[in-house]
């Protein structure tokens, strides 16, 4: 539900766009946080999920025919939304009492994580409200950093809220009337910090070779925790020779009734440099079958479709063709249903 407030005096404390959160938003956000065991990360992921769900609903009122995709909520304060060719970075925060917006530096300095628009969303959880506090284009935010000479602190840029455009309707204007090339994004990385765990987490790139060392991100769990017991037993018997198996809950969004599926990845080391990868999609919980027309797509590093399968009625799982890859090779997996798309990035 959207409520527009008039703001004749343009006071910053009275924002023109208020998004009311629905009960299903909270339910979905809680389900997402249940995948994370680190309590320190849970709250930010919860805020990110609320911001994404409410903002996507707001966008869908203006772009009902457009496909809107999103990343899984991260444990930093940002999420990414894709509207047609426009990439939006949502910065979720509880409050802006100091009038400063903390933006992770990798979202500006790393080519693969930059966005055309940066949208600041204040999450008022107790009031069940979101406030769009401001927007900046990529070219505007980089110009401000260069002119002001500010440096990142603890891997964040602190941008004054006063720098941001407070008119949320400009988001609609940009995405509807502006050519995406009018906001050029960098093609090459400006910085490549080594051993940046935060960066690898936030870009959702899962390093599969680490699984062979027993290193897993929290969201990748054992299959027994994610699928029904009958399916879990069948998987263990069928893939008893496989090396390592882990699954992740994929939430396909509130418009699909909080529909969850399990992305299952199985890897087996075949040599010092080569790993066999098997990718499957399963129903979650006690469900026995996938919904029909659910698509599982294997993408190259550049986004080219390499293999795609579509579920039929009473399919209890689907999978793309197994493949072998050398350590360091990158690929993506996309799960989609109707106009909802979720992409996960991997490195062998």
C-alpha atoms as a PDB file:
ATOM      1  CA  UNK A   1       0.000   0.000   0.000  1.00  0.00           C
ATOM      2  CA  UNK A   2       1.415   3.408  -0.985  1.00  0.00           C
ATOM      3  CA  UNK A   3       0.771   6.691   0.773  1.00  0.00           C
ATOM      4  CA  UNK A   4       2.011   9.933  -0.749  1.00  0.00           C
ATOM      5  CA  UNK A   5       2.677  12.815   1.625  1.00  0.00           C
ATOM      6  CA  UNK A   6       2.754  16.377   0.373  1.00  0.00           C
ATOM      7  CA  UNK A   7       5.942  18.250   1.136  1.00  0.00           C
ATOM      8  CA  UNK A   8       5.493  21.924   0.160  1.00  0.00           C
ATOM      9  CA  UNK A   9       8.334  23.149   2.360  1.00  0.00           C
ATOM     10  CA  UNK A  10      10.702  20.365   1.269  1.00  0.00           C
ATOM     11  CA  UNK A  11      11.639  19.653   4.853  1.00  0.00           C
ATOM     12  CA  UNK A  12      13.970  16.665   4.945  1.00  0.00           C
ATOM     13  CA  UNK A  13      12.194  15.138   7.933  1.00  0.00           C
ATOM     14  CA  UNK A  14       8.904  14.981   6.005  1.00  0.00           C
ATOM     15  CA  UNK A  15       9.477  12.641   3.107  1.00  0.00           C
ATOM     16  CA  UNK A  16       7.214  12.556   0.055  1.00  0.00           C
ATOM     17  CA  UNK A  17       6.945   8.786  -0.339  1.00  0.00           C
ATOM     18  CA  UNK A  18       5.879   6.359   2.357  1.00  0.00           C
ATOM     19  CA  UNK A  19       5.585   2.636   1.654  1.00  0.00           C
ATOM     20  CA  UNK A  20       3.453   0.633   4.059  1.00  0.00           C
ATOM     21  CA  UNK A  21       4.719  -2.855   4.790  1.00  0.00           C
ATOM     22  CA  UNK A  22       2.231  -5.716   4.681  1.00  0.00           C
ATOM     23  CA  UNK A  23       2.127  -8.723   7.074  1.00  0.00           C
ATOM     24  CA  UNK A  24       3.380 -10.996   4.299  1.00  0.00           C
ATOM     25  CA  UNK A  25       6.487  -8.817   3.956  1.00  0.00           C
ATOM     26  CA  UNK A  26       7.412  -9.539   7.563  1.00  0.00           C
ATOM     27  CA  UNK A  27       6.699 -13.245   7.176  1.00  0.00           C
ATOM     28  CA  UNK A  28       8.896 -13.501   4.095  1.00  0.00           C
ATOM     29  CA  UNK A  29      11.704 -11.467   5.704  1.00  0.00           C
ATOM     30  CA  UNK A  30      11.671 -13.721   8.766  1.00  0.00           C
ATOM     31  CA  UNK A  31      11.807 -16.832   6.591  1.00  0.00           C
ATOM     32  CA  UNK A  32      14.870 -15.432   4.851  1.00  0.00           C
ATOM     33  CA  UNK A  33      16.678 -14.675   8.117  1.00  0.00           C
ATOM     34  CA  UNK A  34      16.044 -18.215   9.342  1.00  0.00           C
ATOM     35  CA  UNK A  35      18.621 -19.334   6.771  1.00  0.00           C
ATOM     36  CA  UNK A  36      21.353 -17.403   8.626  1.00  0.00           C
ATOM     37  CA  UNK A  37      22.756 -18.628  11.920  1.00  0.00           C
ATOM     38  CA  UNK A  38      24.915 -15.595  12.762  1.00  0.00           C
ATOM     39  CA  UNK A  39      22.756 -13.362  14.976  1.00  0.00           C
ATOM     40  CA  UNK A  40      24.862 -10.308  14.148  1.00  0.00           C
ATOM     41  CA  UNK A  41      23.971 -10.700  10.474  1.00  0.00           C
ATOM     42  CA  UNK A  42      20.330 -11.641  10.921  1.00  0.00           C
ATOM     43  CA  UNK A  43      19.020  -8.159  11.745  1.00  0.00           C
ATOM     44  CA  UNK A  44      20.611  -6.428   8.753  1.00  0.00           C
ATOM     45  CA  UNK A  45      19.448  -9.210   6.427  1.00  0.00           C
ATOM     46  CA  UNK A  46      15.965  -8.795   7.903  1.00  0.00           C
ATOM     47  CA  UNK A  47      16.026  -5.035   7.205  1.00  0.00           C
ATOM     48  CA  UNK A  48      17.365  -5.649   3.698  1.00  0.00           C
ATOM     49  CA  UNK A  49      14.564  -8.096   2.969  1.00  0.00           C
ATOM     50  CA  UNK A  50      11.876  -5.685   4.190  1.00  0.00           C
ATOM     51  CA  UNK A  51      13.385  -2.884   2.107  1.00  0.00           C
ATOM     52  CA  UNK A  52      13.515  -5.044  -1.029  1.00  0.00           C
ATOM     53  CA  UNK A  53      10.010  -6.484  -0.665  1.00  0.00           C
ATOM     54  CA  UNK A  54       8.376  -3.120  -0.035  1.00  0.00           C
ATOM     55  CA  UNK A  55      10.355  -1.320  -2.715  1.00  0.00           C
ATOM     56  CA  UNK A  56       9.619  -3.967  -5.351  1.00  0.00           C
ATOM     57  CA  UNK A  57       5.904  -3.696  -4.568  1.00  0.00           C
ATOM     58  CA  UNK A  58       6.200   0.074  -5.009  1.00  0.00           C
ATOM     59  CA  UNK A  59       7.989  -0.361  -8.346  1.00  0.00           C
ATOM     60  CA  UNK A  60       5.439  -2.886  -9.593  1.00  0.00           C
ATOM     61  CA  UNK A  61       2.665  -0.316  -9.266  1.00  0.00           C
ATOM     62  CA  UNK A  62       4.487   1.847 -11.820  1.00  0.00           C
ATOM     63  CA  UNK A  63       5.913  -0.970 -13.969  1.00  0.00           C
ATOM     64  CA  UNK A  64       3.315  -3.769 -13.842  1.00  0.00           C
ATOM     65  CA  UNK A  65       4.498  -5.322 -17.117  1.00  0.00           C
ATOM     66  CA  UNK A  66       8.227  -5.163 -16.410  1.00  0.00           C
ATOM     67  CA  UNK A  67      10.302  -8.008 -15.022  1.00  0.00           C
ATOM     68  CA  UNK A  68      11.881  -7.124 -11.689  1.00  0.00           C
ATOM     69  CA  UNK A  69      14.596  -9.378 -10.321  1.00  0.00           C
ATOM     70  CA  UNK A  70      16.492  -9.201  -7.055  1.00  0.00           C
ATOM     71  CA  UNK A  71      19.462 -10.717  -5.310  1.00  0.00           C
ATOM     72  CA  UNK A  72      19.160 -12.642  -2.090  1.00  0.00           C
ATOM     73  CA  UNK A  73      19.376 -10.161   0.823  1.00  0.00           C
ATOM     74  CA  UNK A  74      22.984  -9.748   1.938  1.00  0.00           C
ATOM     75  CA  UNK A  75      24.448  -9.257   5.396  1.00  0.00           C
ATOM     76  CA  UNK A  76      25.629  -5.783   4.458  1.00  0.00           C
ATOM     77  CA  UNK A  77      23.231  -2.848   4.168  1.00  0.00           C
ATOM     78  CA  UNK A  78      22.630  -3.168   0.426  1.00  0.00           C
ATOM     79  CA  UNK A  79      20.601  -5.230  -2.036  1.00  0.00           C
ATOM     80  CA  UNK A  80      20.332  -5.095  -5.797  1.00  0.00           C
ATOM     81  CA  UNK A  81      17.180  -4.778  -7.881  1.00  0.00           C
ATOM     82  CA  UNK A  82      17.130  -5.188 -11.657  1.00  0.00           C
ATOM     83  CA  UNK A  83      14.390  -3.338 -13.553  1.00  0.00           C
ATOM     84  CA  UNK A  84      14.775  -4.031 -17.266  1.00  0.00           C
ATOM     85  CA  UNK A  85      18.310  -2.744 -17.996  1.00  0.00           C
ATOM     86  CA  UNK A  86      18.527  -0.540 -14.913  1.00  0.00           C
ATOM     87  CA  UNK A  87      20.368  -1.813 -11.856  1.00  0.00           C
ATOM     88  CA  UNK A  88      19.374  -0.278  -8.526  1.00  0.00           C
ATOM     89  CA  UNK A  89      21.338  -0.572  -5.294  1.00  0.00           C
ATOM     90  CA  UNK A  90      19.083  -0.315  -2.236  1.00  0.00           C
ATOM     91  CA  UNK A  91      20.765   1.017   0.902  1.00  0.00           C
ATOM     92  CA  UNK A  92      18.675  -0.102   3.890  1.00  0.00           C
ATOM     93  CA  UNK A  93      19.044   1.627   7.246  1.00  0.00           C
ATOM     94  CA  UNK A  94      17.162   1.804  10.547  1.00  0.00           C
ATOM     95  CA  UNK A  95      17.642   5.531  10.996  1.00  0.00           C
ATOM     96  CA  UNK A  96      19.519   8.518   9.636  1.00  0.00           C
ATOM     97  CA  UNK A  97      19.803  10.567  12.801  1.00  0.00           C
ATOM     98  CA  UNK A  98      23.310  11.737  11.894  1.00  0.00           C
ATOM     99  CA  UNK A  99      22.182  12.570   8.329  1.00  0.00           C
ATOM    100  CA  UNK A 100      24.930  10.354   6.887  1.00  0.00           C
ATOM    101  CA  UNK A 101      24.428   7.446   4.497  1.00  0.00           C
ATOM    102  CA  UNK A 102      26.899   4.563   4.782  1.00  0.00           C
ATOM    103  CA  UNK A 103      27.561   3.039   1.374  1.00  0.00           C
ATOM    104  CA  UNK A 104      29.888   0.022   1.008  1.00  0.00           C
ATOM    105  CA  UNK A 105      32.847   1.124  -1.086  1.00  0.00           C
ATOM    106  CA  UNK A 106      32.762  -1.999  -3.273  1.00  0.00           C
ATOM    107  CA  UNK A 107      29.326  -0.939  -4.585  1.00  0.00           C
ATOM    108  CA  UNK A 108      31.040   2.092  -6.119  1.00  0.00           C
ATOM    109  CA  UNK A 109      34.590   0.933  -6.829  1.00  0.00           C
ATOM    110  CA  UNK A 110      34.004  -2.588  -8.155  1.00  0.00           C
ATOM    111  CA  UNK A 111      32.606  -2.705 -11.691  1.00  0.00           C
ATOM    112  CA  UNK A 112      30.482  -5.806 -11.129  1.00  0.00           C
ATOM    113  CA  UNK A 113      28.766  -4.304  -8.071  1.00  0.00           C
ATOM    114  CA  UNK A 114      28.091  -0.768  -9.272  1.00  0.00           C
ATOM    115  CA  UNK A 115      24.528   0.371  -9.988  1.00  0.00           C
ATOM    116  CA  UNK A 116      22.833   3.019 -12.079  1.00  0.00           C
ATOM    117  CA  UNK A 117      20.822   4.302  -9.117  1.00  0.00           C
ATOM    118  CA  UNK A 118      21.505   4.224  -5.382  1.00  0.00           C
ATOM    119  CA  UNK A 119      18.326   4.394  -3.316  1.00  0.00           C
ATOM    120  CA  UNK A 120      18.359   5.071   0.432  1.00  0.00           C
ATOM    121  CA  UNK A 121      15.499   3.371   2.267  1.00  0.00           C
ATOM    122  CA  UNK A 122      14.790   3.938   5.938  1.00  0.00           C
ATOM    123  CA  UNK A 123      13.123   0.895   7.487  1.00  0.00           C
ATOM    124  CA  UNK A 124      10.737   1.739  10.329  1.00  0.00           C
ATOM    125  CA  UNK A 125      10.113  -1.805  11.469  1.00  0.00           C
ATOM    126  CA  UNK A 126       7.851  -1.040  14.440  1.00  0.00           C
ATOM    127  CA  UNK A 127       5.677   1.294  12.360  1.00  0.00           C
ATOM    128  CA  UNK A 128       5.642  -1.196   9.439  1.00  0.00           C
ATOM    129  CA  UNK A 129       6.797   1.531   7.070  1.00  0.00           C
ATOM    130  CA  UNK A 130       9.535   2.281   4.571  1.00  0.00           C
ATOM    131  CA  UNK A 131      10.614   5.779   3.617  1.00  0.00           C
ATOM    132  CA  UNK A 132      12.485   6.479   0.403  1.00  0.00           C
ATOM    133  CA  UNK A 133      14.926   9.042   1.758  1.00  0.00           C
ATOM    134  CA  UNK A 134      16.917   9.843  -1.349  1.00  0.00           C
ATOM    135  CA  UNK A 135      18.462   8.717  -4.635  1.00  0.00           C
ATOM    136  CA  UNK A 136      21.740   9.338  -6.458  1.00  0.00           C
ATOM    137  CA  UNK A 137      22.865   8.282  -9.903  1.00  0.00           C
ATOM    138  CA  UNK A 138      26.213   6.529 -10.215  1.00  0.00           C
ATOM    139  CA  UNK A 139      27.755   9.486 -12.048  1.00  0.00           C
ATOM    140  CA  UNK A 140      26.562  11.860  -9.325  1.00  0.00           C
ATOM    141  CA  UNK A 141      27.916   9.788  -6.467  1.00  0.00           C
ATOM    142  CA  UNK A 142      31.343   9.330  -8.072  1.00  0.00           C
ATOM    143  CA  UNK A 143      31.501  13.046  -8.900  1.00  0.00           C
ATOM    144  CA  UNK A 144      30.767  13.918  -5.269  1.00  0.00           C
ATOM    145  CA  UNK A 145      33.476  11.539  -4.005  1.00  0.00           C
ATOM    146  CA  UNK A 146      36.033  12.999  -6.421  1.00  0.00           C
ATOM    147  CA  UNK A 147      35.173  16.642  -5.766  1.00  0.00           C
ATOM    148  CA  UNK A 148      34.837  16.359  -1.988  1.00  0.00           C
ATOM    149  CA  UNK A 149      37.936  14.201  -1.665  1.00  0.00           C
ATOM    150  CA  UNK A 150      36.334  11.951   0.944  1.00  0.00           C
ATOM    151  CA  UNK A 151      37.861   8.573   1.703  1.00  0.00           C
ATOM    152  CA  UNK A 152      36.194   5.394   2.835  1.00  0.00           C
ATOM    153  CA  UNK A 153      36.183   4.535   6.520  1.00  0.00           C
ATOM    154  CA  UNK A 154      36.019   0.857   7.509  1.00  0.00           C
ATOM    155  CA  UNK A 155      35.178   0.033   3.868  1.00  0.00           C
ATOM    156  CA  UNK A 156      32.258   2.498   3.746  1.00  0.00           C
ATOM    157  CA  UNK A 157      31.786   5.900   2.176  1.00  0.00           C
ATOM    158  CA  UNK A 158      29.795   8.279   4.372  1.00  0.00           C
ATOM    159  CA  UNK A 159      27.723  10.477   2.065  1.00  0.00           C
ATOM    160  CA  UNK A 160      25.662  13.341   3.575  1.00  0.00           C
ATOM    161  CA  UNK A 161      21.954  12.806   3.082  1.00  0.00           C
ATOM    162  CA  UNK A 162      21.735  16.393   1.822  1.00  0.00           C
ATOM    163  CA  UNK A 163      23.613  15.320  -1.321  1.00  0.00           C
ATOM    164  CA  UNK A 164      20.816  12.935  -2.317  1.00  0.00           C
ATOM    165  CA  UNK A 165      17.814  13.803  -4.475  1.00  0.00           C
ATOM    166  CA  UNK A 166      14.765  13.569  -2.192  1.00  0.00           C
ATOM    167  CA  UNK A 167      12.218  13.214  -5.029  1.00  0.00           C
ATOM    168  CA  UNK A 168      11.438   9.472  -5.373  1.00  0.00           C
ATOM    169  CA  UNK A 169       9.457  10.015  -8.561  1.00  0.00           C
ATOM    170  CA  UNK A 170      12.776  10.634 -10.283  1.00  0.00           C
ATOM    171  CA  UNK A 171      13.378   6.888  -9.944  1.00  0.00           C
ATOM    172  CA  UNK A 172      10.326   6.339 -12.128  1.00  0.00           C
ATOM    173  CA  UNK A 173      11.445   9.045 -14.540  1.00  0.00           C
ATOM    174  CA  UNK A 174      14.937   7.600 -14.982  1.00  0.00           C
ATOM    175  CA  UNK A 175      13.759   4.020 -15.475  1.00  0.00           C
ATOM    176  CA  UNK A 176      10.943   4.974 -17.833  1.00  0.00           C
ATOM    177  CA  UNK A 177      12.401   7.742 -19.981  1.00  0.00           C
ATOM    178  CA  UNK A 178      16.194   7.746 -19.632  1.00  0.00           C
ATOM    179  CA  UNK A 179      18.429   5.641 -21.842  1.00  0.00           C
ATOM    180  CA  UNK A 180      20.433   3.337 -19.592  1.00  0.00           C
ATOM    181  CA  UNK A 181      23.617   4.397 -21.409  1.00  0.00           C
ATOM    182  CA  UNK A 182      23.098   7.922 -20.091  1.00  0.00           C
ATOM    183  CA  UNK A 183      24.402   6.616 -16.753  1.00  0.00           C
ATOM    184  CA  UNK A 184      27.527   4.720 -17.851  1.00  0.00           C
ATOM    185  CA  UNK A 185      28.962   2.155 -15.468  1.00  0.00           C
ATOM    186  CA  UNK A 186      32.635   1.144 -15.391  1.00  0.00           C
ATOM    187  CA  UNK A 187      33.680  -1.879 -17.401  1.00  0.00           C
ATOM    188  CA  UNK A 188      36.855  -2.588 -15.465  1.00  0.00           C
ATOM    189  CA  UNK A 189      37.499  -2.863 -11.752  1.00  0.00           C
ATOM    190  CA  UNK A 190      38.883   0.302 -10.223  1.00  0.00           C
ATOM    191  CA  UNK A 191      40.149  -1.532  -7.172  1.00  0.00           C
ATOM    192  CA  UNK A 192      40.748  -5.188  -6.437  1.00  0.00           C
ATOM    193  CA  UNK A 193      41.265  -5.559  -2.686  1.00  0.00           C
ATOM    194  CA  UNK A 194      42.772  -8.915  -1.734  1.00  0.00           C
ATOM    195  CA  UNK A 195      41.195 -11.236   0.780  1.00  0.00           C
ATOM    196  CA  UNK A 196      38.097  -9.061   1.034  1.00  0.00           C
ATOM    197  CA  UNK A 197      35.651 -11.471   2.659  1.00  0.00           C
ATOM    198  CA  UNK A 198      32.962  -8.803   2.887  1.00  0.00           C
ATOM    199  CA  UNK A 199      33.155  -8.248  -0.865  1.00  0.00           C
ATOM    200  CA  UNK A 200      32.808 -11.918  -1.714  1.00  0.00           C
ATOM    201  CA  UNK A 201      29.846 -12.255   0.609  1.00  0.00           C
ATOM    202  CA  UNK A 202      27.995  -9.252  -0.713  1.00  0.00           C
ATOM    203  CA  UNK A 203      28.366 -10.127  -4.370  1.00  0.00           C
ATOM    204  CA  UNK A 204      26.843 -13.515  -3.471  1.00  0.00           C
ATOM    205  CA  UNK A 205      29.715 -15.340  -5.162  1.00  0.00           C
ATOM    206  CA  UNK A 206      30.009 -18.779  -3.591  1.00  0.00           C
ATOM    207  CA  UNK A 207      33.457 -20.386  -3.853  1.00  0.00           C
ATOM    208  CA  UNK A 208      32.785 -24.075  -4.331  1.00  0.00           C
ATOM    209  CA  UNK A 209      36.398 -25.192  -3.893  1.00  0.00           C
ATOM    210  CA  UNK A 210      36.187 -24.021  -0.271  1.00  0.00           C
ATOM    211  CA  UNK A 211      33.537 -26.679   0.349  1.00  0.00           C
ATOM    212  CA  UNK A 212      36.193 -29.337  -0.136  1.00  0.00           C
ATOM    213  CA  UNK A 213      37.975 -27.784   2.862  1.00  0.00           C
ATOM    214  CA  UNK A 214      34.803 -27.806   4.955  1.00  0.00           C
ATOM    215  CA  UNK A 215      34.237 -24.036   4.609  1.00  0.00           C
ATOM    216  CA  UNK A 216      30.601 -23.043   4.004  1.00  0.00           C
ATOM    217  CA  UNK A 217      28.686 -19.780   4.142  1.00  0.00           C
ATOM    218  CA  UNK A 218      25.818 -19.927   6.627  1.00  0.00           C
ATOM    219  CA  UNK A 219      23.087 -19.988   3.979  1.00  0.00           C
ATOM    220  CA  UNK A 220      24.426 -23.223   2.474  1.00  0.00           C
ATOM    221  CA  UNK A 221      23.066 -25.999   4.661  1.00  0.00           C
ATOM    222  CA  UNK A 222      22.942 -29.793   4.671  1.00  0.00           C
ATOM    223  CA  UNK A 223      20.160 -31.226   2.513  1.00  0.00           C
ATOM    224  CA  UNK A 224      18.491 -32.927   5.488  1.00  0.00           C
ATOM    225  CA  UNK A 225      17.641 -29.507   6.894  1.00  0.00           C
ATOM    226  CA  UNK A 226      15.998 -28.270   3.701  1.00  0.00           C
ATOM    227  CA  UNK A 227      13.968 -31.017   2.009  1.00  0.00           C
ATOM    228  CA  UNK A 228      11.515 -33.631   3.225  1.00  0.00           C
ATOM    229  CA  UNK A 229      12.960 -36.760   4.814  1.00  0.00           C
ATOM    230  CA  UNK A 230      11.908 -39.052   1.946  1.00  0.00           C
ATOM    231  CA  UNK A 231      13.633 -36.862  -0.627  1.00  0.00           C
ATOM    232  CA  UNK A 232      16.696 -36.449   1.590  1.00  0.00           C
ATOM    233  CA  UNK A 233      17.096 -40.222   1.887  1.00  0.00           C
ATOM    234  CA  UNK A 234      16.704 -40.669  -1.871  1.00  0.00           C
ATOM    235  CA  UNK A 235      19.345 -38.020  -2.529  1.00  0.00           C
ATOM    236  CA  UNK A 236      21.794 -39.612  -0.128  1.00  0.00           C
ATOM    237  CA  UNK A 237      21.355 -43.027  -1.743  1.00  0.00           C
ATOM    238  CA  UNK A 238      21.402 -41.757  -5.330  1.00  0.00           C
ATOM    239  CA  UNK A 239      24.439 -39.519  -4.802  1.00  0.00           C
ATOM    240  CA  UNK A 240      26.344 -41.550  -2.241  1.00  0.00           C
ATOM    241  CA  UNK A 241      29.456 -41.371  -4.383  1.00  0.00           C
ATOM    242  CA  UNK A 242      29.335 -37.599  -4.734  1.00  0.00           C
ATOM    243  CA  UNK A 243      31.795 -35.469  -2.783  1.00  0.00           C
ATOM    244  CA  UNK A 244      30.038 -32.566  -1.067  1.00  0.00           C
ATOM    245  CA  UNK A 245      26.358 -31.589  -1.230  1.00  0.00           C
ATOM    246  CA  UNK A 246      24.810 -28.379   0.098  1.00  0.00           C
ATOM    247  CA  UNK A 247      21.530 -26.581  -0.435  1.00  0.00           C
ATOM    248  CA  UNK A 248      20.269 -23.028  -0.192  1.00  0.00           C
ATOM    249  CA  UNK A 249      16.692 -21.821   0.157  1.00  0.00           C
ATOM    250  CA  UNK A 250      15.661 -19.559  -2.719  1.00  0.00           C
ATOM    251  CA  UNK A 251      12.700 -17.284  -2.033  1.00  0.00           C
ATOM    252  CA  UNK A 252      10.843 -16.449  -5.231  1.00  0.00           C
ATOM    253  CA  UNK A 253       8.981 -13.582  -3.683  1.00  0.00           C
ATOM    254  CA  UNK A 254       5.830 -12.355  -2.107  1.00  0.00           C
ATOM    255  CA  UNK A 255       3.924 -12.173  -5.409  1.00  0.00           C
ATOM    256  CA  UNK A 256       4.235 -15.964  -5.601  1.00  0.00           C
ATOM    257  CA  UNK A 257       2.932 -16.524  -2.084  1.00  0.00           C
ATOM    258  CA  UNK A 258       6.343 -16.764  -0.405  1.00  0.00           C
ATOM    259  CA  UNK A 259       7.255 -19.699  -2.634  1.00  0.00           C
ATOM    260  CA  UNK A 260      10.537 -21.337  -1.608  1.00  0.00           C
ATOM    261  CA  UNK A 261      12.655 -23.873  -3.455  1.00  0.00           C
ATOM    262  CA  UNK A 262      16.013 -25.445  -2.658  1.00  0.00           C
ATOM    263  CA  UNK A 263      19.008 -24.937  -4.922  1.00  0.00           C
ATOM    264  CA  UNK A 264      21.175 -28.029  -4.464  1.00  0.00           C
ATOM    265  CA  UNK A 265      24.824 -28.043  -5.508  1.00  0.00           C
ATOM    266  CA  UNK A 266      26.884 -31.224  -5.479  1.00  0.00           C
ATOM    267  CA  UNK A 267      30.614 -31.138  -6.206  1.00  0.00           C
ATOM    268  CA  UNK A 268      33.275 -33.807  -6.531  1.00  0.00           C
ATOM    269  CA  UNK A 269      37.000 -33.255  -6.938  1.00  0.00           C
ATOM    270  CA  UNK A 270      38.278 -35.252  -9.898  1.00  0.00           C
ATOM    271  CA  UNK A 271      41.844 -33.887  -9.981  1.00  0.00           C
ATOM    272  CA  UNK A 272      43.855 -31.177  -8.280  1.00  0.00           C
ATOM    273  CA  UNK A 273      42.435 -28.584 -10.639  1.00  0.00           C
ATOM    274  CA  UNK A 274      39.139 -30.023 -11.949  1.00  0.00           C
ATOM    275  CA  UNK A 275      35.836 -30.305 -10.109  1.00  0.00           C
ATOM    276  CA  UNK A 276      32.592 -31.933 -11.254  1.00  0.00           C
ATOM    277  CA  UNK A 277      29.504 -29.810 -10.551  1.00  0.00           C
ATOM    278  CA  UNK A 278      25.882 -30.964 -10.420  1.00  0.00           C
ATOM    279  CA  UNK A 279      23.092 -28.389  -9.986  1.00  0.00           C
ATOM    280  CA  UNK A 280      19.525 -29.309  -9.062  1.00  0.00           C
ATOM    281  CA  UNK A 281      16.363 -27.555  -7.919  1.00  0.00           C
ATOM    282  CA  UNK A 282      14.110 -29.219  -5.335  1.00  0.00           C
ATOM    283  CA  UNK A 283      10.891 -28.356  -3.483  1.00  0.00           C
ATOM    284  CA  UNK A 284      11.486 -27.137   0.059  1.00  0.00           C
ATOM    285  CA  UNK A 285      10.166 -28.449   3.357  1.00  0.00           C
ATOM    286  CA  UNK A 286       7.539 -31.169   3.082  1.00  0.00           C
ATOM    287  CA  UNK A 287       6.532 -30.296  -0.479  1.00  0.00           C
ATOM    288  CA  UNK A 288       6.956 -33.197  -2.909  1.00  0.00           C
ATOM    289  CA  UNK A 289       6.734 -31.445  -6.270  1.00  0.00           C
ATOM    290  CA  UNK A 290       7.954 -28.269  -7.904  1.00  0.00           C
ATOM    291  CA  UNK A 291       5.533 -25.835  -9.442  1.00  0.00           C
ATOM    292  CA  UNK A 292       5.294 -26.184 -13.231  1.00  0.00           C
ATOM    293  CA  UNK A 293       7.139 -23.725 -15.500  1.00  0.00           C
ATOM    294  CA  UNK A 294       9.901 -23.158 -12.959  1.00  0.00           C
ATOM    295  CA  UNK A 295      13.155 -22.535 -14.846  1.00  0.00           C
ATOM    296  CA  UNK A 296      16.700 -23.417 -13.845  1.00  0.00           C
ATOM    297  CA  UNK A 297      19.332 -21.782 -16.058  1.00  0.00           C
ATOM    298  CA  UNK A 298      23.111 -22.164 -16.128  1.00  0.00           C
ATOM    299  CA  UNK A 299      24.834 -18.942 -17.224  1.00  0.00           C
ATOM    300  CA  UNK A 300      28.397 -18.183 -18.257  1.00  0.00           C
ATOM    301  CA  UNK A 301      30.430 -15.489 -16.502  1.00  0.00           C
ATOM    302  CA  UNK A 302      29.243 -13.054 -19.189  1.00  0.00           C
ATOM    303  CA  UNK A 303      25.594 -14.016 -18.722  1.00  0.00           C
ATOM    304  CA  UNK A 304      25.175 -16.273 -21.762  1.00  0.00           C
ATOM    305  CA  UNK A 305      22.693 -19.114 -21.281  1.00  0.00           C
ATOM    306  CA  UNK A 306      24.525 -22.447 -21.394  1.00  0.00           C
ATOM    307  CA  UNK A 307      21.712 -24.774 -20.353  1.00  0.00           C
ATOM    308  CA  UNK A 308      18.097 -24.323 -19.257  1.00  0.00           C
ATOM    309  CA  UNK A 309      15.466 -26.732 -17.952  1.00  0.00           C
ATOM    310  CA  UNK A 310      11.803 -26.107 -17.134  1.00  0.00           C
ATOM    311  CA  UNK A 311       9.766 -28.031 -14.581  1.00  0.00           C
ATOM    312  CA  UNK A 312       6.567 -29.868 -15.517  1.00  0.00           C
ATOM    313  CA  UNK A 313       3.668 -30.873 -13.333  1.00  0.00           C
ATOM    314  CA  UNK A 314       4.708 -33.391 -10.676  1.00  0.00           C
ATOM    315  CA  UNK A 315       8.456 -32.969 -11.202  1.00  0.00           C
ATOM    316  CA  UNK A 316      10.079 -33.607  -7.832  1.00  0.00           C
ATOM    317  CA  UNK A 317      13.296 -31.970  -9.027  1.00  0.00           C
ATOM    318  CA  UNK A 318      15.003 -30.595 -12.122  1.00  0.00           C
ATOM    319  CA  UNK A 319      18.691 -30.331 -12.976  1.00  0.00           C
ATOM    320  CA  UNK A 320      20.988 -28.889 -15.609  1.00  0.00           C
ATOM    321  CA  UNK A 321      23.592 -31.090 -17.270  1.00  0.00           C
ATOM    322  CA  UNK A 322      26.533 -31.867 -14.960  1.00  0.00           C
ATOM    323  CA  UNK A 323      29.779 -30.216 -16.022  1.00  0.00           C
ATOM    324  CA  UNK A 324      33.472 -30.106 -15.148  1.00  0.00           C
ATOM    325  CA  UNK A 325      35.413 -26.944 -14.499  1.00  0.00           C
ATOM    326  CA  UNK A 326      38.821 -25.803 -13.386  1.00  0.00           C
ATOM    327  CA  UNK A 327      39.282 -24.022 -10.086  1.00  0.00           C
ATOM    328  CA  UNK A 328      38.703 -20.295 -10.520  1.00  0.00           C
ATOM    329  CA  UNK A 329      36.114 -20.687 -13.289  1.00  0.00           C
ATOM    330  CA  UNK A 330      33.034 -18.507 -12.712  1.00  0.00           C
ATOM    331  CA  UNK A 331      29.415 -19.147 -13.608  1.00  0.00           C
ATOM    332  CA  UNK A 332      25.921 -18.210 -12.455  1.00  0.00           C
ATOM    333  CA  UNK A 333      22.662 -20.038 -11.840  1.00  0.00           C
ATOM    334  CA  UNK A 334      19.295 -18.363 -12.367  1.00  0.00           C
ATOM    335  CA  UNK A 335      16.017 -19.576 -10.887  1.00  0.00           C
ATOM    336  CA  UNK A 336      12.909 -17.982 -12.387  1.00  0.00           C
ATOM    337  CA  UNK A 337       9.143 -18.283 -12.310  1.00  0.00           C
ATOM    338  CA  UNK A 338       6.788 -15.879 -14.069  1.00  0.00           C
ATOM    339  CA  UNK A 339       8.437 -12.445 -13.820  1.00  0.00           C
ATOM    340  CA  UNK A 340      10.588 -13.246 -10.774  1.00  0.00           C
ATOM    341  CA  UNK A 341      14.267 -14.054 -11.291  1.00  0.00           C
ATOM    342  CA  UNK A 342      16.912 -14.877  -8.687  1.00  0.00           C
ATOM    343  CA  UNK A 343      20.565 -15.217  -9.705  1.00  0.00           C
ATOM    344  CA  UNK A 344      23.366 -16.847  -7.707  1.00  0.00           C
ATOM    345  CA  UNK A 345      27.020 -16.387  -8.653  1.00  0.00           C
ATOM    346  CA  UNK A 346      29.661 -19.081  -8.198  1.00  0.00           C
ATOM    347  CA  UNK A 347      33.372 -19.641  -8.539  1.00  0.00           C
ATOM    348  CA  UNK A 348      34.748 -23.157  -8.703  1.00  0.00           C
END
